[in-house]
Full PDB file with SEQRES, HELIX, SHEET, SSBOND, CRYST1, ORIGX, SCALE, CONECT and MASTER records, all heavy atoms in Angstrom:
SEQRES   1 A   35  GLY ASP GLU ILE ASP LEU GLY GLY GLY THR THR ALA VAL          
SEQRES   2 A   35  ALA VAL ALA ALA PRO GLY HIS THR PRO GLY SER VAL ALA          
SEQRES   3 A   35  LEU HIS LEU PRO ASP GLU ARG VAL LEU                          
SHEET    1 AA1 3 GLU A   3  GLY A   7  0                                        
SHEET    2 AA1 3 THR A  10  ALA A  16 -1                                        
SHEET    3 AA1 3 VAL A  25  HIS A  28 -1                                        
CRYST1    1.000    1.000    1.000  90.00  90.00  90.00 P 1           1          
ORIGX1      1.000000  0.000000  0.000000        0.00000                         
ORIGX2      0.000000  1.000000  0.000000        0.00000                         
ORIGX3      0.000000  0.000000  1.000000        0.00000                         
SCALE1      1.000000  0.000000  0.000000        0.00000                         
SCALE2      0.000000  1.000000  0.000000        0.00000                         
SCALE3      0.000000  0.000000  1.000000        0.00000                         
ATOM      1  N   GLY A   1      12.181-151.798  -0.247  1.00  0.00           N  
ATOM      2  CA  GLY A   1      11.117-151.573   0.714  1.00  0.00           C  
ATOM      3  C   GLY A   1       9.740-151.388   0.119  1.00  0.00           C  
ATOM      4  O   GLY A   1       8.746-151.312   0.869  1.00  0.00           O  
ATOM      5  N   ASP A   2       9.632-151.316  -1.199  1.00  0.00           N  
ATOM      6  CA  ASP A   2       8.309-151.179  -1.815  1.00  0.00           C  
ATOM      7  C   ASP A   2       7.455-152.404  -1.499  1.00  0.00           C  
ATOM      8  O   ASP A   2       7.939-153.541  -1.509  1.00  0.00           O  
ATOM      9  CB  ASP A   2       8.433-151.038  -3.334  1.00  0.00           C  
ATOM     10  CG  ASP A   2       8.878-149.657  -3.763  1.00  0.00           C  
ATOM     11  OD1 ASP A   2       8.970-148.758  -2.897  1.00  0.00           O  
ATOM     12  OD2 ASP A   2       9.132-149.476  -4.972  1.00  0.00           O  
ATOM     13  N   GLU A   3       6.182-152.164  -1.264  1.00  0.00           N  
ATOM     14  CA  GLU A   3       5.236-153.244  -1.000  1.00  0.00           C  
ATOM     15  C   GLU A   3       4.442-153.561  -2.259  1.00  0.00           C  
ATOM     16  O   GLU A   3       4.076-152.661  -3.028  1.00  0.00           O  
ATOM     17  CB  GLU A   3       4.304-152.868   0.146  1.00  0.00           C  
ATOM     18  CG  GLU A   3       5.024-152.739   1.482  1.00  0.00           C  
ATOM     19  CD  GLU A   3       4.068-152.560   2.651  1.00  0.00           C  
ATOM     20  OE1 GLU A   3       2.858-152.315   2.427  1.00  0.00           O  
ATOM     21  OE2 GLU A   3       4.539-152.659   3.807  1.00  0.00           O  
ATOM     22  N   ILE A   4       4.184-154.847  -2.448  1.00  0.00           N  
ATOM     23  CA  ILE A   4       3.454-155.327  -3.623  1.00  0.00           C  
ATOM     24  C   ILE A   4       2.278-156.163  -3.122  1.00  0.00           C  
ATOM     25  O   ILE A   4       2.469-157.144  -2.390  1.00  0.00           O  
ATOM     26  CB  ILE A   4       4.362-156.193  -4.520  1.00  0.00           C  
ATOM     27  CG1 ILE A   4       5.611-155.414  -4.925  1.00  0.00           C  
ATOM     28  CG2 ILE A   4       3.600-156.670  -5.752  1.00  0.00           C  
ATOM     29  CD1 ILE A   4       6.737-156.303  -5.417  1.00  0.00           C  
ATOM     30  N   ASP A   5       1.086-155.784  -3.497  1.00  0.00           N  
ATOM     31  CA  ASP A   5      -0.121-156.515  -3.121  1.00  0.00           C  
ATOM     32  C   ASP A   5      -0.276-157.698  -4.067  1.00  0.00           C  
ATOM     33  O   ASP A   5      -0.514-157.519  -5.266  1.00  0.00           O  
ATOM     34  CB  ASP A   5      -1.332-155.585  -3.201  1.00  0.00           C  
ATOM     35  CG  ASP A   5      -2.630-156.272  -2.772  1.00  0.00           C  
ATOM     36  OD1 ASP A   5      -2.584-157.461  -2.373  1.00  0.00           O  
ATOM     37  OD2 ASP A   5      -3.688-155.610  -2.841  1.00  0.00           O  
ATOM     38  N   LEU A   6      -0.123-158.912  -3.545  1.00  0.00           N  
ATOM     39  CA  LEU A   6      -0.247-160.113  -4.362  1.00  0.00           C  
ATOM     40  C   LEU A   6      -1.670-160.656  -4.389  1.00  0.00           C  
ATOM     41  O   LEU A   6      -1.931-161.671  -5.040  1.00  0.00           O  
ATOM     42  CB  LEU A   6       0.705-161.207  -3.855  1.00  0.00           C  
ATOM     43  CG  LEU A   6       2.191-160.866  -3.814  1.00  0.00           C  
ATOM     44  CD1 LEU A   6       3.002-162.099  -3.442  1.00  0.00           C  
ATOM     45  CD2 LEU A   6       2.669-160.278  -5.129  1.00  0.00           C  
ATOM     46  N   GLY A   7      -2.568-159.979  -3.688  1.00  0.00           N  
ATOM     47  CA  GLY A   7      -3.944-160.437  -3.635  1.00  0.00           C  
ATOM     48  C   GLY A   7      -4.163-161.431  -2.510  1.00  0.00           C  
ATOM     49  O   GLY A   7      -3.211-162.007  -1.953  1.00  0.00           O  
ATOM     50  N   GLY A   8      -5.405-161.595  -2.133  1.00  0.00           N  
ATOM     51  CA  GLY A   8      -5.736-162.563  -1.090  1.00  0.00           C  
ATOM     52  C   GLY A   8      -5.140-162.224   0.255  1.00  0.00           C  
ATOM     53  O   GLY A   8      -4.933-163.112   1.087  1.00  0.00           O  
ATOM     54  N   GLY A   9      -4.869-160.941   0.492  1.00  0.00           N  
ATOM     55  CA  GLY A   9      -4.308-160.529   1.777  1.00  0.00           C  
ATOM     56  C   GLY A   9      -2.816-160.711   1.910  1.00  0.00           C  
ATOM     57  O   GLY A   9      -2.265-160.523   3.002  1.00  0.00           O  
ATOM     58  N   THR A  10      -2.119-161.045   0.831  1.00  0.00           N  
ATOM     59  CA  THR A  10      -0.672-161.275   0.876  1.00  0.00           C  
ATOM     60  C   THR A  10       0.077-160.053   0.357  1.00  0.00           C  
ATOM     61  O   THR A  10      -0.211-159.559  -0.739  1.00  0.00           O  
ATOM     62  CB  THR A  10      -0.286-162.499   0.033  1.00  0.00           C  
ATOM     63  OG1 THR A  10      -0.923-163.664   0.569  1.00  0.00           O  
ATOM     64  CG2 THR A  10       1.221-162.714   0.048  1.00  0.00           C  
ATOM     65  N   THR A  11       1.026-159.590   1.134  1.00  0.00           N  
ATOM     66  CA  THR A  11       1.882-158.470   0.743  1.00  0.00           C  
ATOM     67  C   THR A  11       3.320-158.948   0.634  1.00  0.00           C  
ATOM     68  O   THR A  11       3.826-159.632   1.531  1.00  0.00           O  
ATOM     69  CB  THR A  11       1.802-157.323   1.765  1.00  0.00           C  
ATOM     70  OG1 THR A  11       0.444-156.844   1.820  1.00  0.00           O  
ATOM     71  CG2 THR A  11       2.722-156.178   1.375  1.00  0.00           C  
ATOM     72  N   ALA A  12       3.960-158.603  -0.466  1.00  0.00           N  
ATOM     73  CA  ALA A  12       5.383-158.876  -0.655  1.00  0.00           C  
ATOM     74  C   ALA A  12       6.160-157.577  -0.516  1.00  0.00           C  
ATOM     75  O   ALA A  12       5.651-156.497  -0.835  1.00  0.00           O  
ATOM     76  CB  ALA A  12       5.634-159.490  -2.028  1.00  0.00           C  
ATOM     77  N   VAL A  13       7.383-157.686  -0.045  1.00  0.00           N  
ATOM     78  CA  VAL A  13       8.259-156.530   0.108  1.00  0.00           C  
ATOM     79  C   VAL A  13       9.450-156.701  -0.822  1.00  0.00           C  
ATOM     80  O   VAL A  13      10.129-157.748  -0.801  1.00  0.00           O  
ATOM     81  CB  VAL A  13       8.739-156.377   1.566  1.00  0.00           C  
ATOM     82  CG1 VAL A  13       9.661-155.170   1.698  1.00  0.00           C  
ATOM     83  CG2 VAL A  13       7.547-156.255   2.512  1.00  0.00           C  
ATOM     84  N   ALA A  14       9.704-155.698  -1.651  1.00  0.00           N  
ATOM     85  CA  ALA A  14      10.875-155.719  -2.524  1.00  0.00           C  
ATOM     86  C   ALA A  14      12.125-155.424  -1.697  1.00  0.00           C  
ATOM     87  O   ALA A  14      12.138-154.488  -0.893  1.00  0.00           O  
ATOM     88  CB  ALA A  14      10.724-154.678  -3.631  1.00  0.00           C  
ATOM     89  N   VAL A  15      13.152-156.230  -1.894  1.00  0.00           N  
ATOM     90  CA  VAL A  15      14.420-156.059  -1.183  1.00  0.00           C  
ATOM     91  C   VAL A  15      15.512-155.849  -2.232  1.00  0.00           C  
ATOM     92  O   VAL A  15      15.816-156.767  -3.003  1.00  0.00           O  
ATOM     93  CB  VAL A  15      14.749-157.293  -0.310  1.00  0.00           C  
ATOM     94  CG1 VAL A  15      16.043-157.055   0.458  1.00  0.00           C  
ATOM     95  CG2 VAL A  15      13.601-157.614   0.635  1.00  0.00           C  
ATOM     96  N   ALA A  16      16.051-154.642  -2.298  1.00  0.00           N  
ATOM     97  CA  ALA A  16      17.133-154.390  -3.248  1.00  0.00           C  
ATOM     98  C   ALA A  16      18.280-155.359  -2.969  1.00  0.00           C  
ATOM     99  O   ALA A  16      18.715-155.510  -1.827  1.00  0.00           O  
ATOM    100  CB  ALA A  16      17.609-152.943  -3.144  1.00  0.00           C  
ATOM    101  N   ALA A  17      18.760-156.017  -4.026  1.00  0.00           N  
ATOM    102  CA  ALA A  17      19.757-157.077  -3.874  1.00  0.00           C  
ATOM    103  C   ALA A  17      20.889-156.902  -4.877  1.00  0.00           C  
ATOM    104  O   ALA A  17      21.195-157.801  -5.656  1.00  0.00           O  
ATOM    105  CB  ALA A  17      19.083-158.440  -4.044  1.00  0.00           C  
ATOM    106  N   PRO A  18      21.548-155.748  -4.883  1.00  0.00           N  
ATOM    107  CA  PRO A  18      22.571-155.500  -5.900  1.00  0.00           C  
ATOM    108  C   PRO A  18      23.803-156.383  -5.717  1.00  0.00           C  
ATOM    109  O   PRO A  18      24.098-156.840  -4.623  1.00  0.00           O  
ATOM    110  CB  PRO A  18      22.920-154.029  -5.674  1.00  0.00           C  
ATOM    111  CG  PRO A  18      22.629-153.794  -4.221  1.00  0.00           C  
ATOM    112  CD  PRO A  18      21.420-154.636  -3.932  1.00  0.00           C  
ATOM    113  N   GLY A  19      24.482-156.590  -6.815  1.00  0.00           N  
ATOM    114  CA  GLY A  19      25.712-157.375  -6.787  1.00  0.00           C  
ATOM    115  C   GLY A  19      25.732-158.398  -7.893  1.00  0.00           C  
ATOM    116  O   GLY A  19      26.668-158.461  -8.680  1.00  0.00           O  
ATOM    117  N   HIS A  20      24.690-159.225  -7.964  1.00  0.00           N  
ATOM    118  CA  HIS A  20      24.602-160.144  -9.101  1.00  0.00           C  
ATOM    119  C   HIS A  20      24.424-159.324 -10.366  1.00  0.00           C  
ATOM    120  O   HIS A  20      25.099-159.548 -11.380  1.00  0.00           O  
ATOM    121  CB  HIS A  20      23.457-161.126  -8.898  1.00  0.00           C  
ATOM    122  CG  HIS A  20      23.365-162.154  -9.992  1.00  0.00           C  
ATOM    123  ND1 HIS A  20      24.331-163.101 -10.197  1.00  0.00           N  
ATOM    124  CD2 HIS A  20      22.428-162.352 -10.966  1.00  0.00           C  
ATOM    125  CE1 HIS A  20      24.007-163.853 -11.248  1.00  0.00           C  
ATOM    126  NE2 HIS A  20      22.864-163.410 -11.723  1.00  0.00           N  
ATOM    127  N   THR A  21      23.500-158.390 -10.324  1.00  0.00           N  
ATOM    128  CA  THR A  21      23.367-157.321 -11.313  1.00  0.00           C  
ATOM    129  C   THR A  21      23.119-156.038 -10.532  1.00  0.00           C  
ATOM    130  O   THR A  21      22.788-156.091  -9.347  1.00  0.00           O  
ATOM    131  CB  THR A  21      22.197-157.580 -12.286  1.00  0.00           C  
ATOM    132  OG1 THR A  21      20.966-157.495 -11.571  1.00  0.00           O  
ATOM    133  CG2 THR A  21      22.325-158.936 -12.969  1.00  0.00           C  
ATOM    134  N   PRO A  22      23.237-154.875 -11.169  1.00  0.00           N  
ATOM    135  CA  PRO A  22      23.021-153.641 -10.407  1.00  0.00           C  
ATOM    136  C   PRO A  22      21.634-153.538  -9.799  1.00  0.00           C  
ATOM    137  O   PRO A  22      21.465-152.986  -8.706  1.00  0.00           O  
ATOM    138  CB  PRO A  22      23.245-152.550 -11.456  1.00  0.00           C  
ATOM    139  CG  PRO A  22      24.139-153.167 -12.477  1.00  0.00           C  
ATOM    140  CD  PRO A  22      23.724-154.604 -12.535  1.00  0.00           C  
ATOM    141  N   GLY A  23      20.638-154.059 -10.514  1.00  0.00           N  
ATOM    142  CA  GLY A  23      19.264-153.942 -10.036  1.00  0.00           C  
ATOM    143  C   GLY A  23      18.618-155.260  -9.701  1.00  0.00           C  
ATOM    144  O   GLY A  23      17.401-155.409  -9.854  1.00  0.00           O  
ATOM    145  N   SER A  24      19.387-156.224  -9.247  1.00  0.00           N  
ATOM    146  CA  SER A  24      18.754-157.449  -8.747  1.00  0.00           C  
ATOM    147  C   SER A  24      17.835-157.101  -7.582  1.00  0.00           C  
ATOM    148  O   SER A  24      18.124-156.204  -6.784  1.00  0.00           O  
ATOM    149  CB  SER A  24      19.811-158.454  -8.278  1.00  0.00           C  
ATOM    150  OG  SER A  24      20.467-159.061  -9.366  1.00  0.00           O  
ATOM    151  N   VAL A  25      16.724-157.814  -7.488  1.00  0.00           N  
ATOM    152  CA  VAL A  25      15.770-157.568  -6.414  1.00  0.00           C  
ATOM    153  C   VAL A  25      15.268-158.905  -5.891  1.00  0.00           C  
ATOM    154  O   VAL A  25      15.028-159.834  -6.657  1.00  0.00           O  
ATOM    155  CB  VAL A  25      14.604-156.672  -6.896  1.00  0.00           C  
ATOM    156  CG1 VAL A  25      13.752-157.361  -7.957  1.00  0.00           C  
ATOM    157  CG2 VAL A  25      13.734-156.207  -5.736  1.00  0.00           C  
ATOM    158  N   ALA A  26      15.180-159.014  -4.587  1.00  0.00           N  
ATOM    159  CA  ALA A  26      14.572-160.171  -3.938  1.00  0.00           C  
ATOM    160  C   ALA A  26      13.152-159.795  -3.537  1.00  0.00           C  
ATOM    161  O   ALA A  26      12.776-158.617  -3.510  1.00  0.00           O  
ATOM    162  CB  ALA A  26      15.383-160.593  -2.719  1.00  0.00           C  
ATOM    163  N   LEU A  27      12.368-160.798  -3.236  1.00  0.00           N  
ATOM    164  CA  LEU A  27      10.975-160.595  -2.836  1.00  0.00           C  
ATOM    165  C   LEU A  27      10.750-161.363  -1.547  1.00  0.00           C  
ATOM    166  O   LEU A  27      10.993-162.574  -1.496  1.00  0.00           O  
ATOM    167  CB  LEU A  27      10.053-161.112  -3.944  1.00  0.00           C  
ATOM    168  CG  LEU A  27       8.665-160.497  -4.075  1.00  0.00           C  
ATOM    169  CD1 LEU A  27       8.760-159.008  -4.378  1.00  0.00           C  
ATOM    170  CD2 LEU A  27       7.883-161.210  -5.172  1.00  0.00           C  
ATOM    171  N   HIS A  28      10.298-160.658  -0.508  1.00  0.00           N  
ATOM    172  CA  HIS A  28      10.076-161.268   0.804  1.00  0.00           C  
ATOM    173  C   HIS A  28       8.597-161.179   1.157  1.00  0.00           C  
ATOM    174  O   HIS A  28       8.011-160.094   1.080  1.00  0.00           O  
ATOM    175  CB  HIS A  28      10.912-160.543   1.864  1.00  0.00           C  
ATOM    176  CG  HIS A  28      10.848-161.171   3.215  1.00  0.00           C  
ATOM    177  ND1 HIS A  28      10.816-160.436   4.379  1.00  0.00           N  
ATOM    178  CD2 HIS A  28      10.821-162.477   3.596  1.00  0.00           C  
ATOM    179  CE1 HIS A  28      10.779-161.256   5.406  1.00  0.00           C  
ATOM    180  NE2 HIS A  28      10.771-162.495   4.965  1.00  0.00           N  
ATOM    181  N   LEU A  29       8.022-162.316   1.507  1.00  0.00           N  
ATOM    182  CA  LEU A  29       6.641-162.378   1.973  1.00  0.00           C  
ATOM    183  C   LEU A  29       6.709-162.635   3.473  1.00  0.00           C  
ATOM    184  O   LEU A  29       6.768-163.801   3.911  1.00  0.00           O  
ATOM    185  CB  LEU A  29       5.872-163.490   1.265  1.00  0.00           C  
ATOM    186  CG  LEU A  29       5.367-163.234  -0.164  1.00  0.00           C  
ATOM    187  CD1 LEU A  29       6.496-162.863  -1.116  1.00  0.00           C  
ATOM    188  CD2 LEU A  29       4.604-164.446  -0.686  1.00  0.00           C  
ATOM    189  N   PRO A  30       6.737-161.600   4.300  1.00  0.00           N  
ATOM    190  CA  PRO A  30       7.020-161.807   5.722  1.00  0.00           C  
ATOM    191  C   PRO A  30       5.972-162.627   6.444  1.00  0.00           C  
ATOM    192  O   PRO A  30       6.323-163.457   7.294  1.00  0.00           O  
ATOM    193  CB  PRO A  30       7.116-160.378   6.281  1.00  0.00           C  
ATOM    194  CG  PRO A  30       6.478-159.511   5.266  1.00  0.00           C  
ATOM    195  CD  PRO A  30       6.640-160.176   3.948  1.00  0.00           C  
ATOM    196  N   ASP A  31       4.708-162.438   6.146  1.00  0.00           N  
ATOM    197  CA  ASP A  31       3.671-163.198   6.843  1.00  0.00           C  
ATOM    198  C   ASP A  31       3.706-164.673   6.469  1.00  0.00           C  
ATOM    199  O   ASP A  31       3.448-165.542   7.314  1.00  0.00           O  
ATOM    200  CB  ASP A  31       2.286-162.610   6.543  1.00  0.00           C  
ATOM    201  CG  ASP A  31       2.086-161.233   7.159  1.00  0.00           C  
ATOM    202  OD1 ASP A  31       2.853-160.882   8.091  1.00  0.00           O  
ATOM    203  OD2 ASP A  31       1.183-160.511   6.715  1.00  0.00           O  
ATOM    204  N   GLU A  32       4.021-164.963   5.215  1.00  0.00           N  
ATOM    205  CA  GLU A  32       4.085-166.352   4.743  1.00  0.00           C  
ATOM    206  C   GLU A  32       5.473-166.959   4.934  1.00  0.00           C  
ATOM    207  O   GLU A  32       5.676-168.132   4.695  1.00  0.00           O  
ATOM    208  CB  GLU A  32       3.691-166.426   3.264  1.00  0.00           C  
ATOM    209  CG  GLU A  32       2.206-166.229   3.014  1.00  0.00           C  
ATOM    210  CD  GLU A  32       1.778-164.769   3.164  1.00  0.00           C  
ATOM    211  OE1 GLU A  32       2.659-163.881   3.156  1.00  0.00           O  
ATOM    212  OE2 GLU A  32       0.565-164.529   3.292  1.00  0.00           O  
ATOM    213  N   ARG A  33       6.453-166.117   5.307  1.00  0.00           N  
ATOM    214  CA  ARG A  33       7.830-166.537   5.546  1.00  0.00           C  
ATOM    215  C   ARG A  33       8.428-167.217   4.304  1.00  0.00           C  
ATOM    216  O   ARG A  33       9.025-168.279   4.355  1.00  0.00           O  
ATOM    217  CB  ARG A  33       7.928-167.450   6.764  1.00  0.00           C  
ATOM    218  CG  ARG A  33       7.396-166.824   8.049  1.00  0.00           C  
ATOM    219  CD  ARG A  33       7.581-167.743   9.245  1.00  0.00           C  
ATOM    220  NE  ARG A  33       8.986-167.907   9.549  1.00  0.00           N  
ATOM    221  CZ  ARG A  33       9.532-169.058   9.959  1.00  0.00           C  
ATOM    222  NH1 ARG A  33       8.792-170.139  10.082  1.00  0.00           N  
ATOM    223  NH2 ARG A  33      10.814-169.126  10.220  1.00  0.00           N  
ATOM    224  N   VAL A  34       8.255-166.524   3.174  1.00  0.00           N  
ATOM    225  CA  VAL A  34       8.789-166.981   1.888  1.00  0.00           C  
ATOM    226  C   VAL A  34       9.727-165.901   1.357  1.00  0.00           C  
ATOM    227  O   VAL A  34       9.431-164.709   1.442  1.00  0.00           O  
ATOM    228  CB  VAL A  34       7.662-167.251   0.871  1.00  0.00           C  
ATOM    229  CG1 VAL A  34       8.234-167.559  -0.508  1.00  0.00           C  
ATOM    230  CG2 VAL A  34       6.772-168.402   1.352  1.00  0.00           C  
ATOM    231  N   LEU A  35      10.854-166.335   0.791  1.00  0.00           N  
ATOM    232  CA  LEU A  35      11.839-165.415   0.232  1.00  0.00           C  
ATOM    233  C   LEU A  35      12.235-165.891  -1.161  1.00  0.00           C  
ATOM    234  O   LEU A  35      12.635-167.044  -1.339  1.00  0.00           O  
ATOM    235  CB  LEU A  35      13.079-165.365   1.128  1.00  0.00           C  
ATOM    236  CG  LEU A  35      14.255-164.515   0.647  1.00  0.00           C  
ATOM    237  CD1 LEU A  35      13.879-163.040   0.585  1.00  0.00           C  
ATOM    238  CD2 LEU A  35      15.471-164.725   1.556  1.00  0.00           C  
TER     239      LEU A  35                                                      
MASTER        0    0    0    0    3    0    0    6  238    1    0    3          
END                                                                             
């Protein structure tokens, strides 16, 4: 759920994605609809 400011008005949301490794993380850009 952490938010990451990518600049230019774009915010990414960290999505914990355990299983592949304990700390795998996905990145979701909800406004741009990119995962």
